[in-house]
Amino acid sequence: MRTSKSSPSPALARGNIAVDLRPFLVEFNDGRRWVLVRHETVAASDDKTRSANGVVTKDVVIDDETGVSVRVFLPVDAAVAAAAGDGRRLPLVVYVHGGAFCTGSASARMFHDYAESLSARAAAVVVSKYYHSPRTGSHCQFSRWRWYHHFK
């Protein structure tokens, strides 16, 4: 028997879905993901490369156990001036980008460019989170807040 293009795949029909967040993504019980929305991504900068705004970026794993990670945006000139001056710390902005808490990432072009611009204009460190499995959302959020608190 042939199936039409509109028929659900056998995996969907068998009820193997753990999290169904259509039209964004579907996560199966075995951990596979069906990502329905794709974003152009931007790599983090290397140690010697600044953006046109004077910002460097780095991806940092903040919880080795879960792999929770963030992208840090640092305005270099503001950081150097603060360190050379009175030793003050730059403000910290936690940027929670759009994506329904399940799609997109800190490396998606639209979110990366906004966080980079925010970092440069506000002379602040901006931290943008990566999304992980919707099933581990609250644990990931707790890990991020614990990590941010460390820098108070």
Protein backbone atom coordinates (compact mmCIF):
# COMPACT_ATOMS: atom_id res chain seq x y z
CA MET A 1 0.00 0.00 0.00
CA ARG A 2 1.31 3.41 -0.92
CA THR A 3 1.04 6.26 1.51
CA SER A 4 0.30 9.78 0.44
CA LYS A 5 2.61 12.64 1.23
CA SER A 6 0.11 13.92 3.77
CA SER A 7 0.07 10.66 5.77
CA PRO A 8 2.05 10.67 8.99
CA SER A 9 5.30 8.75 9.00
CA PRO A 10 5.27 5.35 10.74
CA ALA A 11 7.22 6.84 13.67
CA LEU A 12 4.55 9.50 14.18
CA ALA A 13 1.69 7.02 13.76
CA ARG A 14 3.10 4.64 16.40
CA GLY A 15 2.94 7.27 19.12
CA ASN A 16 6.69 7.49 19.64
CA ILE A 17 6.50 11.24 20.17
CA ALA A 18 7.84 12.54 23.48
CA VAL A 19 7.31 16.25 22.75
CA ASP A 20 5.23 17.64 19.90
CA LEU A 21 5.89 21.33 19.30
CA ARG A 22 4.78 21.63 15.71
CA PRO A 23 5.33 23.76 13.70
CA PHE A 24 8.77 24.07 15.33
CA LEU A 25 9.95 20.56 16.20
CA VAL A 26 9.01 17.06 17.23
CA GLU A 27 11.14 15.10 19.69
CA PHE A 28 10.83 11.31 19.80
CA ASN A 29 11.12 9.00 22.80
CA ASP A 30 14.48 7.69 21.55
CA GLY A 31 15.95 11.24 21.54
CA ARG A 32 15.77 11.89 17.80
CA ARG A 33 14.52 15.31 16.75
CA TRP A 34 12.59 16.43 13.72
CA VAL A 35 13.41 20.12 13.37
CA LEU A 36 10.89 21.86 11.17
CA VAL A 37 12.27 25.42 11.40
CA ARG A 38 15.87 26.02 10.32
CA HIS A 39 18.02 29.10 10.94
CA GLU A 40 21.21 30.31 9.29
CA THR A 41 23.94 30.06 11.92
CA VAL A 42 27.00 32.15 12.81
CA ALA A 43 30.11 30.59 14.31
CA ALA A 44 31.56 32.06 17.49
CA SER A 45 34.58 34.26 16.85
CA ASP A 46 38.08 33.02 17.44
CA ASP A 47 40.24 34.68 20.11
CA LYS A 48 41.73 37.25 17.72
CA THR A 49 38.71 38.24 15.66
CA ARG A 50 36.29 41.02 16.58
CA SER A 51 33.09 41.84 14.78
CA ALA A 52 32.66 45.21 13.08
CA ASN A 53 31.05 46.31 16.39
CA GLY A 54 34.19 45.38 18.36
CA VAL A 55 32.57 42.35 20.01
CA VAL A 56 34.09 38.89 20.46
CA THR A 57 31.94 35.84 21.05
CA LYS A 58 32.60 32.52 22.72
CA ASP A 59 30.50 29.41 23.29
CA VAL A 60 30.82 28.19 26.88
CA VAL A 61 29.56 24.94 28.40
CA ILE A 62 28.22 25.91 31.82
CA ASP A 63 27.11 22.49 33.03
CA ASP A 64 29.30 19.55 32.03
CA GLU A 65 26.75 17.04 33.28
CA THR A 66 23.94 18.20 31.00
CA GLY A 67 25.94 19.98 28.29
CA VAL A 68 24.01 23.22 28.87
CA SER A 69 25.81 26.02 27.06
CA VAL A 70 25.62 29.73 26.37
CA ARG A 71 27.18 32.17 23.93
CA VAL A 72 28.96 35.09 25.57
CA PHE A 73 29.27 38.43 23.75
CA LEU A 74 32.05 40.70 25.07
CA PRO A 75 32.57 44.30 23.90
CA VAL A 76 36.38 44.33 23.90
CA ASP A 77 37.04 48.08 24.09
CA ALA A 78 34.58 48.54 26.97
CA ALA A 79 36.11 45.59 28.83
CA VAL A 80 39.66 46.92 28.38
CA ALA A 81 38.61 50.43 29.49
CA ALA A 82 36.85 49.04 32.58
CA ALA A 83 39.83 46.89 33.55
CA ALA A 84 42.32 49.72 33.04
CA GLY A 85 40.18 52.26 34.87
CA ASP A 86 38.62 51.63 38.23
CA GLY A 87 38.32 47.86 37.78
CA ARG A 88 34.54 48.01 37.53
CA ARG A 89 32.66 45.12 36.02
CA LEU A 90 30.60 45.47 32.87
CA PRO A 91 26.85 45.02 33.21
CA LEU A 92 25.49 41.55 32.40
CA VAL A 93 22.50 41.19 30.09
CA VAL A 94 20.81 37.79 29.84
CA TYR A 95 19.24 37.66 26.39
CA VAL A 96 16.46 35.10 25.99
CA HIS A 97 15.84 35.04 22.26
CA GLY A 98 12.64 34.06 20.51
CA GLY A 99 11.97 30.54 19.36
CA ALA A 100 9.22 29.26 21.66
CA PHE A 101 11.88 27.81 23.99
CA CYS A 102 12.54 25.01 21.54
CA THR A 103 13.94 26.29 18.25
CA GLY A 104 16.64 28.64 17.10
CA SER A 105 19.78 29.12 19.11
CA ALA A 106 22.30 31.65 20.25
CA SER A 107 24.13 31.02 16.96
CA ALA A 108 21.11 31.73 14.72
CA ARG A 109 22.01 34.74 12.54
CA MET A 110 19.04 36.88 13.64
CA PHE A 111 19.57 36.30 17.38
CA HIS A 112 23.38 36.45 17.20
CA ASP A 113 23.36 39.77 15.34
CA TYR A 114 20.92 41.32 17.81
CA ALA A 115 22.89 40.17 20.88
CA GLU A 116 26.14 41.39 19.31
CA SER A 117 24.64 44.81 18.60
CA LEU A 118 23.19 44.99 22.12
CA SER A 119 26.59 44.15 23.63
CA ALA A 120 28.33 46.86 21.61
CA ARG A 121 25.73 49.59 22.17
CA ALA A 122 25.17 48.91 25.88
CA ALA A 123 28.89 48.24 26.61
CA ALA A 124 27.68 45.12 28.42
CA VAL A 125 28.46 41.42 28.48
CA VAL A 126 25.53 39.65 26.83
CA VAL A 127 24.85 35.99 27.50
CA SER A 128 22.50 34.14 25.16
CA LYS A 129 21.42 30.60 25.86
CA TYR A 130 21.30 27.60 23.59
CA TYR A 131 18.11 25.56 23.58
CA HIS A 132 18.23 21.92 24.55
CA SER A 133 15.62 19.22 24.75
CA PRO A 134 12.21 20.56 25.80
CA ARG A 135 12.14 17.66 28.27
CA THR A 136 15.09 19.10 30.22
CA GLY A 137 14.00 22.74 30.09
CA SER A 138 13.65 23.49 33.79
CA HIS A 139 16.94 21.80 34.67
CA CYS A 140 18.70 23.77 31.93
CA GLN A 141 17.17 27.02 33.19
CA PHE A 142 18.35 26.29 36.73
CA SER A 143 21.89 25.55 35.48
CA ARG A 144 22.00 28.85 33.61
CA TRP A 145 20.78 30.91 36.56
CA ARG A 146 23.25 29.19 38.90
CA TRP A 147 26.05 30.01 36.44
CA TYR A 148 24.95 33.67 36.04
CA HIS A 149 24.76 34.06 39.83
CA HIS A 150 28.40 32.99 40.05
CA PHE A 151 29.41 36.25 38.33
CA LYS A 152 27.57 38.63 40.68
